[in-house]
Amino acid sequence: MVKEKIIEIIQRLLITDADLNFLSTLKKTELETLAACIRDRVDGTQE
């Protein structure tokens, strides 16, 4: 998965229109980790 797609996923998970392009400075693996952490947190709080 390319960095841009991962950033889009993060934007959807956070439900934001904020410019998160600064995340493109992170490595792909770091973005994947961030997306996974956000997803776990969101999934864990929705009941």
Protein backbone atom coordinates (compact mmCIF):
# COMPACT_ATOMS: atom_id res chain seq x y z
CA MET A 1 0.00 0.00 0.00
CA VAL A 2 1.34 3.43 -0.89
CA LYS A 3 1.80 6.19 1.67
CA GLU A 4 -0.95 8.35 0.18
CA LYS A 5 -3.48 5.55 0.58
CA ILE A 6 -2.45 4.96 4.20
CA ILE A 7 -2.84 8.69 4.93
CA GLU A 8 -6.33 8.56 3.40
CA ILE A 9 -7.17 5.62 5.68
CA ILE A 10 -5.96 7.56 8.71
CA GLN A 11 -8.09 10.56 7.68
CA ARG A 12 -11.17 8.32 7.43
CA LEU A 13 -10.44 6.69 10.79
CA LEU A 14 -10.12 10.09 12.44
CA ILE A 15 -13.15 11.44 10.55
CA THR A 16 -11.33 14.63 9.64
CA ASP A 17 -10.77 16.92 6.70
CA ALA A 18 -7.57 18.23 8.27
CA ASP A 19 -4.48 18.30 6.08
CA LEU A 20 -2.48 15.31 7.25
CA ASN A 21 0.05 15.41 4.43
CA PHE A 22 2.78 16.07 6.99
CA LEU A 23 2.45 12.36 7.73
CA SER A 24 4.11 11.67 4.39
CA THR A 25 7.43 12.44 6.10
CA LEU A 26 7.02 9.21 8.06
CA LYS A 27 8.22 5.87 6.77
CA LYS A 28 5.62 3.55 5.30
CA THR A 29 5.98 1.13 8.22
CA GLU A 30 5.46 3.98 10.69
CA LEU A 31 2.28 5.02 8.88
CA GLU A 32 1.02 1.45 8.92
CA THR A 33 1.68 1.24 12.65
CA LEU A 34 -0.11 4.54 13.25
CA ALA A 35 -3.12 3.44 11.20
CA ALA A 36 -3.28 0.12 13.07
CA CYS A 37 -3.10 1.86 16.46
CA ILE A 38 -5.86 4.30 15.51
CA ARG A 39 -8.02 1.49 14.15
CA ASP A 40 -7.54 -0.57 17.34
CA ARG A 41 -8.45 2.43 19.48
CA VAL A 42 -11.53 3.31 17.42
CA ASP A 43 -12.71 -0.30 17.25
CA GLY A 44 -12.14 -0.72 20.99
CA THR A 45 -14.20 2.32 21.98
CA GLN A 46 -17.21 1.68 19.78
CA GLU A 47 -19.66 -0.60 21.51
